[in-house]
């Protein structure tokens, strides 16, 4: 086996591997010998068929098997002999020219193939003892602490059913279906959607339109999407 490096730019590597015709012939002869000892060919006793007949019957398929095995083995050997690690399995490019392939299969030419791969970059590990880290300490303001506590409290607030109309701070659970010019639009409907009135999580006018609503009541709420709404196809449009 001969290995020639044809590209070593950056992390990219390309190697040309040459397996001699003689080496392939030796491998083929060994396998044909194994077949000869077991083969049952018409006109011959088991294991007594001449090697010429064995080669004629099995030679091409054995050569194909030998080529595949040789490529696998030499690829592994070529990588083991290098002081670097491939980032992934190499890409193998075998001969494509029919004439060249036939010469190799006939045992008249060396097998040449190209393997391409990228290697892992070498990392210079530093002594951790020489690295100094500065611990960042968060110092929240009183306002930030109060806001966080309020959010936690609101998230854990318990709610009870009420008979009267919904007010700011109440949580309502609704099914809604939005439409523009009578046509539904993507993302404009939901079922069992929880809304806490007054938080301003929906477009302007929507939560206001729910104020005073009672359980089981149906309402039509008219709203306008803001001009700077994130979904451009809805921005500035009236909806219900």
C-alpha atoms as a PDB file:
ATOM      1  CA  UNK A   1       0.000   0.000   0.000  1.00  0.00           C
ATOM      2  CA  UNK A   2       1.209   3.471  -0.869  1.00  0.00           C
ATOM      3  CA  UNK A   3      -0.310   6.634   0.626  1.00  0.00           C
ATOM      4  CA  UNK A   4       0.221  10.056  -0.958  1.00  0.00           C
ATOM      5  CA  UNK A   5      -1.143  13.232   0.652  1.00  0.00           C
ATOM      6  CA  UNK A   6      -2.567  15.450  -2.091  1.00  0.00           C
ATOM      7  CA  UNK A   7      -4.243  18.153   0.013  1.00  0.00           C
ATOM      8  CA  UNK A   8      -3.606  19.453   3.526  1.00  0.00           C
ATOM      9  CA  UNK A   9      -5.203  22.903   3.390  1.00  0.00           C
ATOM     10  CA  UNK A  10      -6.480  24.003   6.796  1.00  0.00           C
ATOM     11  CA  UNK A  11      -8.392  21.130   8.346  1.00  0.00           C
ATOM     12  CA  UNK A  12      -9.068  19.445   4.997  1.00  0.00           C
ATOM     13  CA  UNK A  13      -7.133  16.346   4.023  1.00  0.00           C
ATOM     14  CA  UNK A  14      -7.043  14.326   0.816  1.00  0.00           C
ATOM     15  CA  UNK A  15      -5.037  11.136   0.413  1.00  0.00           C
ATOM     16  CA  UNK A  16      -4.428   8.988  -2.638  1.00  0.00           C
ATOM     17  CA  UNK A  17      -4.063   5.331  -1.728  1.00  0.00           C
ATOM     18  CA  UNK A  18      -2.495   2.829  -4.120  1.00  0.00           C
ATOM     19  CA  UNK A  19      -2.928  -0.916  -3.647  1.00  0.00           C
ATOM     20  CA  UNK A  20      -0.660  -2.914  -5.941  1.00  0.00           C
ATOM     21  CA  UNK A  21      -2.099  -5.391  -8.435  1.00  0.00           C
ATOM     22  CA  UNK A  22       0.217  -8.015  -6.949  1.00  0.00           C
ATOM     23  CA  UNK A  23      -1.260  -7.581  -3.475  1.00  0.00           C
ATOM     24  CA  UNK A  24      -4.781  -7.886  -4.864  1.00  0.00           C
ATOM     25  CA  UNK A  25      -3.777 -10.995  -6.819  1.00  0.00           C
ATOM     26  CA  UNK A  26      -2.416 -12.640  -3.660  1.00  0.00           C
ATOM     27  CA  UNK A  27      -5.642 -11.959  -1.809  1.00  0.00           C
ATOM     28  CA  UNK A  28      -7.723 -13.311  -4.694  1.00  0.00           C
ATOM     29  CA  UNK A  29      -5.578 -16.453  -4.960  1.00  0.00           C
ATOM     30  CA  UNK A  30      -5.985 -17.147  -1.249  1.00  0.00           C
ATOM     31  CA  UNK A  31      -9.771 -16.833  -1.405  1.00  0.00           C
ATOM     32  CA  UNK A  32     -10.021 -18.930  -4.571  1.00  0.00           C
ATOM     33  CA  UNK A  33      -7.983 -21.606  -2.803  1.00  0.00           C
ATOM     34  CA  UNK A  34     -10.486 -21.643   0.034  1.00  0.00           C
ATOM     35  CA  UNK A  35     -13.333 -21.951  -2.460  1.00  0.00           C
ATOM     36  CA  UNK A  36     -11.530 -24.734  -4.361  1.00  0.00           C
ATOM     37  CA  UNK A  37     -11.461 -26.911  -1.253  1.00  0.00           C
ATOM     38  CA  UNK A  38     -15.252 -26.721  -0.886  1.00  0.00           C
ATOM     39  CA  UNK A  39     -16.580 -26.099  -4.401  1.00  0.00           C
ATOM     40  CA  UNK A  40     -18.998 -28.505  -6.098  1.00  0.00           C
ATOM     41  CA  UNK A  41     -18.533 -28.001  -9.847  1.00  0.00           C
ATOM     42  CA  UNK A  42     -20.253 -30.194 -12.389  1.00  0.00           C
ATOM     43  CA  UNK A  43     -17.937 -32.891 -13.660  1.00  0.00           C
ATOM     44  CA  UNK A  44     -15.575 -32.778 -10.686  1.00  0.00           C
ATOM     45  CA  UNK A  45     -15.547 -34.374  -7.290  1.00  0.00           C
ATOM     46  CA  UNK A  46     -16.004 -31.945  -4.367  1.00  0.00           C
ATOM     47  CA  UNK A  47     -12.783 -30.055  -3.758  1.00  0.00           C
ATOM     48  CA  UNK A  48     -11.089 -31.455  -6.901  1.00  0.00           C
ATOM     49  CA  UNK A  49     -12.002 -28.822  -9.509  1.00  0.00           C
ATOM     50  CA  UNK A  50      -8.907 -27.218 -11.151  1.00  0.00           C
ATOM     51  CA  UNK A  51      -8.101 -23.692  -9.982  1.00  0.00           C
ATOM     52  CA  UNK A  52      -8.623 -22.420 -13.546  1.00  0.00           C
ATOM     53  CA  UNK A  53     -12.242 -23.548 -13.419  1.00  0.00           C
ATOM     54  CA  UNK A  54     -12.672 -22.021  -9.967  1.00  0.00           C
ATOM     55  CA  UNK A  55     -11.234 -18.729 -11.200  1.00  0.00           C
ATOM     56  CA  UNK A  56     -13.545 -18.702 -14.215  1.00  0.00           C
ATOM     57  CA  UNK A  57     -16.611 -19.362 -12.054  1.00  0.00           C
ATOM     58  CA  UNK A  58     -15.813 -17.159  -9.073  1.00  0.00           C
ATOM     59  CA  UNK A  59     -12.913 -14.899 -10.042  1.00  0.00           C
ATOM     60  CA  UNK A  60     -14.807 -11.679 -10.697  1.00  0.00           C
ATOM     61  CA  UNK A  61     -17.013 -11.857  -7.603  1.00  0.00           C
ATOM     62  CA  UNK A  62     -13.992 -12.722  -5.466  1.00  0.00           C
ATOM     63  CA  UNK A  63     -12.058  -9.753  -6.886  1.00  0.00           C
ATOM     64  CA  UNK A  64     -14.963  -7.426  -6.054  1.00  0.00           C
ATOM     65  CA  UNK A  65     -14.981  -8.761  -2.483  1.00  0.00           C
ATOM     66  CA  UNK A  66     -11.196  -8.409  -2.225  1.00  0.00           C
ATOM     67  CA  UNK A  67     -11.285  -4.817  -3.498  1.00  0.00           C
ATOM     68  CA  UNK A  68     -13.912  -3.813  -0.922  1.00  0.00           C
ATOM     69  CA  UNK A  69     -12.024  -5.517   1.883  1.00  0.00           C
ATOM     70  CA  UNK A  70      -8.720  -3.982   0.791  1.00  0.00           C
ATOM     71  CA  UNK A  71     -10.218  -0.488   0.655  1.00  0.00           C
ATOM     72  CA  UNK A  72     -11.648  -0.855   4.170  1.00  0.00           C
ATOM     73  CA  UNK A  73      -8.387  -2.152   5.611  1.00  0.00           C
ATOM     74  CA  UNK A  74      -6.084   0.329   3.886  1.00  0.00           C
ATOM     75  CA  UNK A  75      -8.344   3.245   4.795  1.00  0.00           C
ATOM     76  CA  UNK A  76      -8.065   2.284   8.457  1.00  0.00           C
ATOM     77  CA  UNK A  77      -4.296   1.797   8.164  1.00  0.00           C
ATOM     78  CA  UNK A  78      -3.810   5.156   6.438  1.00  0.00           C
ATOM     79  CA  UNK A  79      -5.685   6.964   9.213  1.00  0.00           C
ATOM     80  CA  UNK A  80      -3.893   5.127  12.023  1.00  0.00           C
ATOM     81  CA  UNK A  81      -0.545   6.241  10.690  1.00  0.00           C
ATOM     82  CA  UNK A  82      -1.363   9.944  11.067  1.00  0.00           C
ATOM     83  CA  UNK A  83      -0.858  12.190  14.083  1.00  0.00           C
ATOM     84  CA  UNK A  84      -4.364  13.658  13.827  1.00  0.00           C
ATOM     85  CA  UNK A  85      -7.946  12.544  14.268  1.00  0.00           C
ATOM     86  CA  UNK A  86     -10.610  12.698  11.536  1.00  0.00           C
ATOM     87  CA  UNK A  87     -13.718  14.687  12.434  1.00  0.00           C
ATOM     88  CA  UNK A  88     -15.864  12.066  10.678  1.00  0.00           C
ATOM     89  CA  UNK A  89     -15.621   9.012   8.441  1.00  0.00           C
ATOM     90  CA  UNK A  90     -13.687   9.779   5.229  1.00  0.00           C
ATOM     91  CA  UNK A  91     -15.364  10.089   1.847  1.00  0.00           C
ATOM     92  CA  UNK A  92     -14.028   7.357  -0.456  1.00  0.00           C
ATOM     93  CA  UNK A  93     -13.864   7.931  -4.203  1.00  0.00           C
ATOM     94  CA  UNK A  94     -13.139   4.811  -6.256  1.00  0.00           C
ATOM     95  CA  UNK A  95     -12.237   4.784  -9.971  1.00  0.00           C
ATOM     96  CA  UNK A  96     -15.206   5.532 -12.226  1.00  0.00           C
ATOM     97  CA  UNK A  97     -13.674   5.028 -15.676  1.00  0.00           C
ATOM     98  CA  UNK A  98     -14.924   1.690 -17.042  1.00  0.00           C
ATOM     99  CA  UNK A  99     -11.610   0.870 -18.684  1.00  0.00           C
ATOM    100  CA  UNK A 100      -9.690   1.451 -15.468  1.00  0.00           C
ATOM    101  CA  UNK A 101     -12.200  -0.584 -13.459  1.00  0.00           C
ATOM    102  CA  UNK A 102     -11.954  -3.504 -15.894  1.00  0.00           C
ATOM    103  CA  UNK A 103      -8.156  -3.464 -15.719  1.00  0.00           C
ATOM    104  CA  UNK A 104      -8.283  -3.616 -11.922  1.00  0.00           C
ATOM    105  CA  UNK A 105     -10.921  -6.370 -11.926  1.00  0.00           C
ATOM    106  CA  UNK A 106      -8.836  -8.360 -14.393  1.00  0.00           C
ATOM    107  CA  UNK A 107      -5.818  -8.046 -12.112  1.00  0.00           C
ATOM    108  CA  UNK A 108      -3.833  -6.023 -14.649  1.00  0.00           C
ATOM    109  CA  UNK A 109      -3.668  -2.678 -12.831  1.00  0.00           C
ATOM    110  CA  UNK A 110      -3.123  -1.234  -9.371  1.00  0.00           C
ATOM    111  CA  UNK A 111      -6.165   0.009  -7.487  1.00  0.00           C
ATOM    112  CA  UNK A 112      -6.027   3.750  -6.804  1.00  0.00           C
ATOM    113  CA  UNK A 113      -8.640   5.561  -4.756  1.00  0.00           C
ATOM    114  CA  UNK A 114      -8.956   8.921  -3.012  1.00  0.00           C
ATOM    115  CA  UNK A 115     -10.087   9.495   0.559  1.00  0.00           C
ATOM    116  CA  UNK A 116     -11.168  12.956   1.718  1.00  0.00           C
ATOM    117  CA  UNK A 117     -11.872  14.059   5.281  1.00  0.00           C
ATOM    118  CA  UNK A 118     -11.498  16.869   7.789  1.00  0.00           C
ATOM    119  CA  UNK A 119      -9.441  16.597  10.953  1.00  0.00           C
ATOM    120  CA  UNK A 120     -10.168  17.860  14.425  1.00  0.00           C
ATOM    121  CA  UNK A 121      -8.241  21.039  15.245  1.00  0.00           C
ATOM    122  CA  UNK A 122      -5.472  20.756  17.789  1.00  0.00           C
ATOM    123  CA  UNK A 123      -6.364  22.549  20.995  1.00  0.00           C
ATOM    124  CA  UNK A 124      -3.666  23.875  23.260  1.00  0.00           C
ATOM    125  CA  UNK A 125      -4.994  23.175  26.747  1.00  0.00           C
ATOM    126  CA  UNK A 126      -4.005  25.770  29.292  1.00  0.00           C
ATOM    127  CA  UNK A 127      -3.143  25.158  32.918  1.00  0.00           C
ATOM    128  CA  UNK A 128      -6.391  25.922  34.727  1.00  0.00           C
ATOM    129  CA  UNK A 129      -4.440  27.224  37.708  1.00  0.00           C
ATOM    130  CA  UNK A 130      -3.184  30.100  35.586  1.00  0.00           C
ATOM    131  CA  UNK A 131      -6.682  31.236  34.626  1.00  0.00           C
ATOM    132  CA  UNK A 132      -8.287  33.853  36.836  1.00  0.00           C
ATOM    133  CA  UNK A 133     -12.039  34.267  36.899  1.00  0.00           C
ATOM    134  CA  UNK A 134     -13.983  37.169  38.264  1.00  0.00           C
ATOM    135  CA  UNK A 135     -17.223  36.203  39.946  1.00  0.00           C
ATOM    136  CA  UNK A 136     -20.079  38.432  38.903  1.00  0.00           C
ATOM    137  CA  UNK A 137     -22.475  39.216  41.734  1.00  0.00           C
ATOM    138  CA  UNK A 138     -25.975  40.366  40.853  1.00  0.00           C
ATOM    139  CA  UNK A 139     -27.232  43.243  42.957  1.00  0.00           C
ATOM    140  CA  UNK A 140     -30.912  43.747  42.140  1.00  0.00           C
ATOM    141  CA  UNK A 141     -32.623  46.976  43.100  1.00  0.00           C
ATOM    142  CA  UNK A 142     -35.528  47.085  45.520  1.00  0.00           C
ATOM    143  CA  UNK A 143     -37.846  47.728  42.586  1.00  0.00           C
ATOM    144  CA  UNK A 144     -36.606  44.623  40.755  1.00  0.00           C
ATOM    145  CA  UNK A 145     -37.033  42.482  43.864  1.00  0.00           C
ATOM    146  CA  UNK A 146     -40.551  43.795  44.374  1.00  0.00           C
ATOM    147  CA  UNK A 147     -41.431  43.139  40.734  1.00  0.00           C
ATOM    148  CA  UNK A 148     -40.135  39.565  40.899  1.00  0.00           C
ATOM    149  CA  UNK A 149     -42.053  38.887  44.109  1.00  0.00           C
ATOM    150  CA  UNK A 150     -45.216  40.305  42.562  1.00  0.00           C
ATOM    151  CA  UNK A 151     -44.805  38.047  39.537  1.00  0.00           C
ATOM    152  CA  UNK A 152     -44.295  35.001  41.756  1.00  0.00           C
ATOM    153  CA  UNK A 153     -47.325  35.916  43.825  1.00  0.00           C
ATOM    154  CA  UNK A 154     -49.472  36.430  40.750  1.00  0.00           C
ATOM    155  CA  UNK A 155     -48.313  33.145  39.254  1.00  0.00           C
ATOM    156  CA  UNK A 156     -49.441  31.317  42.384  1.00  0.00           C
ATOM    157  CA  UNK A 157     -52.672  33.191  42.940  1.00  0.00           C
ATOM    158  CA  UNK A 158     -55.729  31.037  43.550  1.00  0.00           C
ATOM    159  CA  UNK A 159     -58.958  31.805  41.661  1.00  0.00           C
ATOM    160  CA  UNK A 160     -62.579  31.038  42.441  1.00  0.00           C
ATOM    161  CA  UNK A 161     -65.606  31.028  40.174  1.00  0.00           C
ATOM    162  CA  UNK A 162     -67.735  34.182  40.349  1.00  0.00           C
ATOM    163  CA  UNK A 163     -71.263  35.026  39.280  1.00  0.00           C
ATOM    164  CA  UNK A 164     -70.675  38.651  38.314  1.00  0.00           C
ATOM    165  CA  UNK A 165     -68.909  40.134  35.316  1.00  0.00           C
ATOM    166  CA  UNK A 166     -65.133  39.859  34.832  1.00  0.00           C
ATOM    167  CA  UNK A 167     -63.003  42.705  36.187  1.00  0.00           C
ATOM    168  CA  UNK A 168     -59.386  43.788  35.957  1.00  0.00           C
ATOM    169  CA  UNK A 169     -57.245  41.207  37.751  1.00  0.00           C
ATOM    170  CA  UNK A 170     -59.721  38.390  37.154  1.00  0.00           C
ATOM    171  CA  UNK A 171     -58.666  35.345  35.183  1.00  0.00           C
ATOM    172  CA  UNK A 172     -61.034  34.254  32.458  1.00  0.00           C
ATOM    173  CA  UNK A 173     -60.801  31.076  30.395  1.00  0.00           C
ATOM    174  CA  UNK A 174     -62.162  31.529  26.897  1.00  0.00           C
ATOM    175  CA  UNK A 175     -62.537  29.969  23.463  1.00  0.00           C
ATOM    176  CA  UNK A 176     -62.070  32.512  20.713  1.00  0.00           C
ATOM    177  CA  UNK A 177     -62.012  32.579  16.925  1.00  0.00           C
ATOM    178  CA  UNK A 178     -60.708  35.680  15.181  1.00  0.00           C
ATOM    179  CA  UNK A 179     -61.480  36.791  11.649  1.00  0.00           C
ATOM    180  CA  UNK A 180     -60.550  39.552   9.225  1.00  0.00           C
ATOM    181  CA  UNK A 181     -63.199  40.513   6.673  1.00  0.00           C
ATOM    182  CA  UNK A 182     -65.098  37.426   7.763  1.00  0.00           C
ATOM    183  CA  UNK A 183     -62.194  35.074   7.075  1.00  0.00           C
ATOM    184  CA  UNK A 184     -60.299  33.239   9.853  1.00  0.00           C
ATOM    185  CA  UNK A 185     -56.535  33.821  10.023  1.00  0.00           C
ATOM    186  CA  UNK A 186     -53.643  31.714  11.237  1.00  0.00           C
ATOM    187  CA  UNK A 187     -53.075  31.924  14.989  1.00  0.00           C
ATOM    188  CA  UNK A 188     -56.375  33.716  15.507  1.00  0.00           C
ATOM    189  CA  UNK A 189     -58.183  31.000  17.442  1.00  0.00           C
ATOM    190  CA  UNK A 190     -57.732  28.976  20.624  1.00  0.00           C
ATOM    191  CA  UNK A 191     -59.651  26.915  23.145  1.00  0.00           C
ATOM    192  CA  UNK A 192     -59.455  27.099  26.950  1.00  0.00           C
ATOM    193  CA  UNK A 193     -57.113  30.087  26.752  1.00  0.00           C
ATOM    194  CA  UNK A 194     -56.438  31.616  30.212  1.00  0.00           C
ATOM    195  CA  UNK A 195     -56.291  35.434  30.294  1.00  0.00           C
ATOM    196  CA  UNK A 196     -55.722  37.660  33.315  1.00  0.00           C
ATOM    197  CA  UNK A 197     -57.469  40.919  32.532  1.00  0.00           C
ATOM    198  CA  UNK A 198     -55.366  44.046  32.785  1.00  0.00           C
ATOM    199  CA  UNK A 199     -52.012  42.475  32.017  1.00  0.00           C
ATOM    200  CA  UNK A 200     -51.991  43.692  28.449  1.00  0.00           C
ATOM    201  CA  UNK A 201     -50.815  40.409  26.966  1.00  0.00           C
ATOM    202  CA  UNK A 202     -53.179  40.685  23.991  1.00  0.00           C
ATOM    203  CA  UNK A 203     -53.590  43.386  21.349  1.00  0.00           C
ATOM    204  CA  UNK A 204     -55.156  46.659  22.543  1.00  0.00           C
ATOM    205  CA  UNK A 205     -58.899  46.468  23.063  1.00  0.00           C
ATOM    206  CA  UNK A 206     -59.164  42.701  23.392  1.00  0.00           C
ATOM    207  CA  UNK A 207     -58.935  42.490  27.188  1.00  0.00           C
ATOM    208  CA  UNK A 208     -61.114  45.589  27.550  1.00  0.00           C
ATOM    209  CA  UNK A 209     -63.739  43.848  25.456  1.00  0.00           C
ATOM    210  CA  UNK A 210     -63.871  41.016  27.978  1.00  0.00           C
ATOM    211  CA  UNK A 211     -64.497  43.292  30.950  1.00  0.00           C
ATOM    212  CA  UNK A 212     -67.953  42.615  32.355  1.00  0.00           C
ATOM    213  CA  UNK A 213     -68.285  39.271  30.575  1.00  0.00           C
ATOM    214  CA  UNK A 214     -69.985  36.464  32.488  1.00  0.00           C
ATOM    215  CA  UNK A 215     -69.466  32.712  32.353  1.00  0.00           C
ATOM    216  CA  UNK A 216     -71.100  31.185  29.254  1.00  0.00           C
ATOM    217  CA  UNK A 217     -71.545  34.550  27.523  1.00  0.00           C
ATOM    218  CA  UNK A 218     -70.720  35.000  23.824  1.00  0.00           C
ATOM    219  CA  UNK A 219     -69.177  38.299  22.735  1.00  0.00           C
ATOM    220  CA  UNK A 220     -67.992  39.902  19.528  1.00  0.00           C
ATOM    221  CA  UNK A 221     -64.981  42.131  20.174  1.00  0.00           C
ATOM    222  CA  UNK A 222     -63.724  44.522  17.518  1.00  0.00           C
ATOM    223  CA  UNK A 223     -59.995  45.277  17.606  1.00  0.00           C
ATOM    224  CA  UNK A 224     -57.258  46.694  15.387  1.00  0.00           C
ATOM    225  CA  UNK A 225     -53.843  45.126  15.057  1.00  0.00           C
ATOM    226  CA  UNK A 226     -51.081  47.683  15.778  1.00  0.00           C
ATOM    227  CA  UNK A 227     -49.223  49.077  12.772  1.00  0.00           C
ATOM    228  CA  UNK A 228     -45.981  47.622  14.161  1.00  0.00           C
ATOM    229  CA  UNK A 229     -47.451  44.184  14.855  1.00  0.00           C
ATOM    230  CA  UNK A 230     -44.879  41.385  14.526  1.00  0.00           C
ATOM    231  CA  UNK A 231     -46.905  39.508  11.891  1.00  0.00           C
ATOM    232  CA  UNK A 232     -46.668  41.835   8.903  1.00  0.00           C
ATOM    233  CA  UNK A 233     -49.736  40.362   7.148  1.00  0.00           C
ATOM    234  CA  UNK A 234     -51.901  41.358  10.148  1.00  0.00           C
ATOM    235  CA  UNK A 235     -50.354  44.730  11.005  1.00  0.00           C
ATOM    236  CA  UNK A 236     -52.849  47.613  10.941  1.00  0.00           C
ATOM    237  CA  UNK A 237     -55.837  45.449  10.046  1.00  0.00           C
ATOM    238  CA  UNK A 238     -59.210  45.465  11.839  1.00  0.00           C
ATOM    239  CA  UNK A 239     -60.379  42.124  13.197  1.00  0.00           C
ATOM    240  CA  UNK A 240     -63.192  40.579  15.209  1.00  0.00           C
END
